[in-house]
């Protein structure tokens, strides 16, 4: 058997499915070495609201699936699983119509990623070109020029008014 990467995924979704209606789905996916296939263990939870918030919280190797429905303020846990304590390498947001030709409206209004420690890439090499630094410098320089020009014009107008 070829080397298979250690792939463990978690999904928390709100879905409308023909066979069980509106549901929240808390899923764990992983590579099953014995069966040589990717497996999913999705659990549906009924819901009525068409809006709400989804939250995944991992403490050590335990992953909790939390949700709010409608205007609820407090999150409630719908599932807890043994996950992994390894670094998370990807975070994704997606929309799936499930094959339906109808429109889907999704709004990602608030995305927060929190961590005790965020792995940092190595520091940039000396002399590395950073486009954002140039854009920021031009923006600050342009704003300064506009402010100084406006101040000089205002003083000139004030002197002219005083002279009359």
C-alpha atoms as a PDB file:
ATOM      1  CA  UNK A   1       0.000   0.000   0.000  1.00  0.00           C
ATOM      2  CA  UNK A   2       1.270   3.495  -0.869  1.00  0.00           C
ATOM      3  CA  UNK A   3       1.965   5.980   1.914  1.00  0.00           C
ATOM      4  CA  UNK A   4      -1.255   7.717   2.865  1.00  0.00           C
ATOM      5  CA  UNK A   5      -1.102  11.060   4.614  1.00  0.00           C
ATOM      6  CA  UNK A   6      -2.689  11.352   8.042  1.00  0.00           C
ATOM      7  CA  UNK A   7      -5.884  13.045   6.908  1.00  0.00           C
ATOM      8  CA  UNK A   8      -8.478  13.860   9.511  1.00  0.00           C
ATOM      9  CA  UNK A   9     -11.206  16.363   8.705  1.00  0.00           C
ATOM     10  CA  UNK A  10     -14.140  17.867  10.559  1.00  0.00           C
ATOM     11  CA  UNK A  11     -17.187  19.487   9.008  1.00  0.00           C
ATOM     12  CA  UNK A  12     -20.008  21.420  10.621  1.00  0.00           C
ATOM     13  CA  UNK A  13     -22.805  22.357   8.234  1.00  0.00           C
ATOM     14  CA  UNK A  14     -26.411  23.421   7.975  1.00  0.00           C
ATOM     15  CA  UNK A  15     -28.191  21.584   5.226  1.00  0.00           C
ATOM     16  CA  UNK A  16     -31.592  20.841   3.758  1.00  0.00           C
ATOM     17  CA  UNK A  17     -31.807  17.216   2.709  1.00  0.00           C
ATOM     18  CA  UNK A  18     -34.838  15.647   0.974  1.00  0.00           C
ATOM     19  CA  UNK A  19     -34.822  12.599   3.246  1.00  0.00           C
ATOM     20  CA  UNK A  20     -34.559  14.374   6.633  1.00  0.00           C
ATOM     21  CA  UNK A  21     -35.264  18.085   6.017  1.00  0.00           C
ATOM     22  CA  UNK A  22     -33.343  20.890   7.714  1.00  0.00           C
ATOM     23  CA  UNK A  23     -30.404  19.533   9.678  1.00  0.00           C
ATOM     24  CA  UNK A  24     -27.133  20.509  11.248  1.00  0.00           C
ATOM     25  CA  UNK A  25     -24.473  17.950  10.319  1.00  0.00           C
ATOM     26  CA  UNK A  26     -21.424  17.322  12.527  1.00  0.00           C
ATOM     27  CA  UNK A  27     -18.997  15.117  10.602  1.00  0.00           C
ATOM     28  CA  UNK A  28     -15.615  13.529  11.152  1.00  0.00           C
ATOM     29  CA  UNK A  29     -13.717  12.179   8.155  1.00  0.00           C
ATOM     30  CA  UNK A  30     -10.539  10.091   8.247  1.00  0.00           C
ATOM     31  CA  UNK A  31      -8.421   7.648   6.278  1.00  0.00           C
ATOM     32  CA  UNK A  32      -9.164   4.086   7.387  1.00  0.00           C
ATOM     33  CA  UNK A  33      -5.859   2.269   6.966  1.00  0.00           C
ATOM     34  CA  UNK A  34      -7.369  -1.223   7.431  1.00  0.00           C
ATOM     35  CA  UNK A  35     -10.031  -0.690   4.753  1.00  0.00           C
ATOM     36  CA  UNK A  36      -7.790   1.526   2.593  1.00  0.00           C
ATOM     37  CA  UNK A  37     -10.522   4.112   2.120  1.00  0.00           C
ATOM     38  CA  UNK A  38     -11.659   7.497   3.349  1.00  0.00           C
ATOM     39  CA  UNK A  39     -14.531   7.246   5.829  1.00  0.00           C
ATOM     40  CA  UNK A  40     -17.090   9.689   7.214  1.00  0.00           C
ATOM     41  CA  UNK A  41     -19.045   9.605  10.434  1.00  0.00           C
ATOM     42  CA  UNK A  42     -21.646  12.348   9.970  1.00  0.00           C
ATOM     43  CA  UNK A  43     -24.390  12.828  12.521  1.00  0.00           C
ATOM     44  CA  UNK A  44     -27.487  14.892  11.582  1.00  0.00           C
ATOM     45  CA  UNK A  45     -29.333  17.018  14.140  1.00  0.00           C
ATOM     46  CA  UNK A  46     -32.777  18.449  13.257  1.00  0.00           C
ATOM     47  CA  UNK A  47     -33.086  22.248  13.069  1.00  0.00           C
ATOM     48  CA  UNK A  48     -35.768  24.658  11.944  1.00  0.00           C
ATOM     49  CA  UNK A  49     -33.917  27.959  11.649  1.00  0.00           C
ATOM     50  CA  UNK A  50     -32.493  29.049   8.302  1.00  0.00           C
ATOM     51  CA  UNK A  51     -29.831  31.168   9.974  1.00  0.00           C
ATOM     52  CA  UNK A  52     -27.516  30.808  12.909  1.00  0.00           C
ATOM     53  CA  UNK A  53     -23.885  30.386  13.853  1.00  0.00           C
ATOM     54  CA  UNK A  54     -21.532  27.421  13.700  1.00  0.00           C
ATOM     55  CA  UNK A  55     -18.494  26.938  15.926  1.00  0.00           C
ATOM     56  CA  UNK A  56     -15.790  24.283  16.206  1.00  0.00           C
ATOM     57  CA  UNK A  57     -13.732  24.271  19.416  1.00  0.00           C
ATOM     58  CA  UNK A  58     -10.786  21.957  19.925  1.00  0.00           C
ATOM     59  CA  UNK A  59      -9.151  21.467  23.310  1.00  0.00           C
ATOM     60  CA  UNK A  60      -6.276  19.022  23.130  1.00  0.00           C
ATOM     61  CA  UNK A  61      -7.590  16.203  20.964  1.00  0.00           C
ATOM     62  CA  UNK A  62     -11.281  16.736  21.769  1.00  0.00           C
ATOM     63  CA  UNK A  63     -13.354  18.587  19.156  1.00  0.00           C
ATOM     64  CA  UNK A  64     -16.711  20.104  20.081  1.00  0.00           C
ATOM     65  CA  UNK A  65     -19.398  21.070  17.548  1.00  0.00           C
ATOM     66  CA  UNK A  66     -21.431  24.081  18.747  1.00  0.00           C
ATOM     67  CA  UNK A  67     -24.351  25.912  17.142  1.00  0.00           C
ATOM     68  CA  UNK A  68     -26.892  28.677  17.582  1.00  0.00           C
ATOM     69  CA  UNK A  69     -30.169  28.807  15.676  1.00  0.00           C
ATOM     70  CA  UNK A  70     -31.998  31.955  14.601  1.00  0.00           C
ATOM     71  CA  UNK A  71     -31.522  34.761  17.125  1.00  0.00           C
ATOM     72  CA  UNK A  72     -30.130  32.555  19.912  1.00  0.00           C
ATOM     73  CA  UNK A  73     -27.187  34.117  21.725  1.00  0.00           C
ATOM     74  CA  UNK A  74     -25.765  31.118  23.571  1.00  0.00           C
ATOM     75  CA  UNK A  75     -24.051  28.284  21.732  1.00  0.00           C
ATOM     76  CA  UNK A  76     -25.122  24.726  22.490  1.00  0.00           C
ATOM     77  CA  UNK A  77     -23.050  21.620  21.910  1.00  0.00           C
ATOM     78  CA  UNK A  78     -24.484  19.083  19.475  1.00  0.00           C
ATOM     79  CA  UNK A  79     -21.557  16.669  19.343  1.00  0.00           C
ATOM     80  CA  UNK A  80     -18.134  15.949  20.806  1.00  0.00           C
ATOM     81  CA  UNK A  81     -15.526  13.650  19.238  1.00  0.00           C
ATOM     82  CA  UNK A  82     -11.991  12.443  19.738  1.00  0.00           C
ATOM     83  CA  UNK A  83     -10.094  14.243  16.989  1.00  0.00           C
ATOM     84  CA  UNK A  84      -6.386  15.005  16.770  1.00  0.00           C
ATOM     85  CA  UNK A  85      -4.064  17.280  18.663  1.00  0.00           C
ATOM     86  CA  UNK A  86      -1.835  17.881  15.627  1.00  0.00           C
ATOM     87  CA  UNK A  87      -1.571  21.318  13.999  1.00  0.00           C
ATOM     88  CA  UNK A  88      -4.498  22.265  11.776  1.00  0.00           C
ATOM     89  CA  UNK A  89      -3.220  22.737   8.221  1.00  0.00           C
ATOM     90  CA  UNK A  90      -6.385  23.947   6.448  1.00  0.00           C
ATOM     91  CA  UNK A  91      -9.541  25.863   7.213  1.00  0.00           C
ATOM     92  CA  UNK A  92     -12.204  26.077   4.529  1.00  0.00           C
ATOM     93  CA  UNK A  93     -15.587  27.701   3.968  1.00  0.00           C
ATOM     94  CA  UNK A  94     -17.791  26.306   1.238  1.00  0.00           C
ATOM     95  CA  UNK A  95     -21.276  26.190  -0.217  1.00  0.00           C
ATOM     96  CA  UNK A  96     -22.811  23.154  -1.892  1.00  0.00           C
ATOM     97  CA  UNK A  97     -26.191  23.272  -3.628  1.00  0.00           C
ATOM     98  CA  UNK A  98     -26.473  19.494  -3.414  1.00  0.00           C
ATOM     99  CA  UNK A  99     -27.179  19.381  -7.142  1.00  0.00           C
ATOM    100  CA  UNK A 100     -30.161  21.713  -6.876  1.00  0.00           C
ATOM    101  CA  UNK A 101     -30.516  24.200  -9.756  1.00  0.00           C
ATOM    102  CA  UNK A 102     -32.037  26.777  -7.373  1.00  0.00           C
ATOM    103  CA  UNK A 103     -30.153  29.736  -5.922  1.00  0.00           C
ATOM    104  CA  UNK A 104     -28.391  29.592  -2.567  1.00  0.00           C
ATOM    105  CA  UNK A 105     -27.790  32.594  -0.337  1.00  0.00           C
ATOM    106  CA  UNK A 106     -24.953  32.333   2.158  1.00  0.00           C
ATOM    107  CA  UNK A 107     -23.352  35.147   4.118  1.00  0.00           C
ATOM    108  CA  UNK A 108     -20.057  34.734   5.921  1.00  0.00           C
ATOM    109  CA  UNK A 109     -20.333  37.718   8.244  1.00  0.00           C
ATOM    110  CA  UNK A 110     -17.968  36.887  11.076  1.00  0.00           C
ATOM    111  CA  UNK A 111     -15.009  34.520  10.820  1.00  0.00           C
ATOM    112  CA  UNK A 112     -12.756  34.186  13.852  1.00  0.00           C
ATOM    113  CA  UNK A 113      -9.775  31.898  14.230  1.00  0.00           C
ATOM    114  CA  UNK A 114      -8.259  31.693  17.688  1.00  0.00           C
ATOM    115  CA  UNK A 115      -5.257  29.784  18.907  1.00  0.00           C
ATOM    116  CA  UNK A 116      -2.941  29.653  21.868  1.00  0.00           C
ATOM    117  CA  UNK A 117      -0.094  29.767  19.375  1.00  0.00           C
ATOM    118  CA  UNK A 118      -0.054  30.487  15.657  1.00  0.00           C
ATOM    119  CA  UNK A 119       2.816  28.880  13.753  1.00  0.00           C
ATOM    120  CA  UNK A 120       4.781  31.548  11.940  1.00  0.00           C
ATOM    121  CA  UNK A 121       6.664  31.149   8.711  1.00  0.00           C
ATOM    122  CA  UNK A 122      10.328  32.018   8.825  1.00  0.00           C
ATOM    123  CA  UNK A 123      11.082  35.716   8.795  1.00  0.00           C
ATOM    124  CA  UNK A 124      11.435  37.295   5.340  1.00  0.00           C
ATOM    125  CA  UNK A 125      14.943  37.401   3.960  1.00  0.00           C
ATOM    126  CA  UNK A 126      16.745  40.711   4.071  1.00  0.00           C
ATOM    127  CA  UNK A 127      15.913  42.767   1.009  1.00  0.00           C
ATOM    128  CA  UNK A 128      12.661  40.872   0.302  1.00  0.00           C
ATOM    129  CA  UNK A 129      10.264  42.920  -1.813  1.00  0.00           C
ATOM    130  CA  UNK A 130       6.938  43.580  -0.120  1.00  0.00           C
ATOM    131  CA  UNK A 131       4.238  45.157  -2.294  1.00  0.00           C
ATOM    132  CA  UNK A 132       2.087  46.012   0.727  1.00  0.00           C
ATOM    133  CA  UNK A 133       4.873  48.204   2.153  1.00  0.00           C
ATOM    134  CA  UNK A 134       5.017  50.222  -1.060  1.00  0.00           C
ATOM    135  CA  UNK A 135       1.222  50.592  -1.193  1.00  0.00           C
ATOM    136  CA  UNK A 136       1.120  51.650   2.470  1.00  0.00           C
ATOM    137  CA  UNK A 137       3.955  54.156   1.955  1.00  0.00           C
ATOM    138  CA  UNK A 138       2.263  55.654  -1.105  1.00  0.00           C
ATOM    139  CA  UNK A 139      -1.044  55.858   0.736  1.00  0.00           C
ATOM    140  CA  UNK A 140       0.467  57.586   3.782  1.00  0.00           C
ATOM    141  CA  UNK A 141       2.512  59.894   1.551  1.00  0.00           C
ATOM    142  CA  UNK A 142      -0.529  60.789  -0.559  1.00  0.00           C
ATOM    143  CA  UNK A 143      -2.658  61.457   2.510  1.00  0.00           C
ATOM    144  CA  UNK A 144       0.061  63.656   3.997  1.00  0.00           C
ATOM    145  CA  UNK A 145       0.316  65.634   0.756  1.00  0.00           C
ATOM    146  CA  UNK A 146      -3.448  66.209   0.681  1.00  0.00           C
ATOM    147  CA  UNK A 147      -3.491  67.317   4.328  1.00  0.00           C
ATOM    148  CA  UNK A 148      -0.556  69.744   3.931  1.00  0.00           C
ATOM    149  CA  UNK A 149      -2.029  71.190   0.715  1.00  0.00           C
ATOM    150  CA  UNK A 150      -5.414  71.614   2.403  1.00  0.00           C
ATOM    151  CA  UNK A 151      -3.858  73.306   5.428  1.00  0.00           C
ATOM    152  CA  UNK A 152      -1.868  75.747   3.241  1.00  0.00           C
ATOM    153  CA  UNK A 153      -4.963  76.557   1.173  1.00  0.00           C
ATOM    154  CA  UNK A 154      -7.027  77.106   4.336  1.00  0.00           C
ATOM    155  CA  UNK A 155      -4.382  79.499   5.743  1.00  0.00           C
ATOM    156  CA  UNK A 156      -4.227  81.387   2.446  1.00  0.00           C
ATOM    157  CA  UNK A 157      -8.030  81.756   2.397  1.00  0.00           C
ATOM    158  CA  UNK A 158      -8.051  82.895   6.040  1.00  0.00           C
ATOM    159  CA  UNK A 159      -5.418  85.597   5.277  1.00  0.00           C
ATOM    160  CA  UNK A 160      -7.345  86.760   2.216  1.00  0.00           C
ATOM    161  CA  UNK A 161     -10.540  87.016   4.220  1.00  0.00           C
ATOM    162  CA  UNK A 162      -8.759  88.918   6.967  1.00  0.00           C
ATOM    163  CA  UNK A 163      -7.338  91.398   4.437  1.00  0.00           C
ATOM    164  CA  UNK A 164     -10.821  92.309   3.156  1.00  0.00           C
END
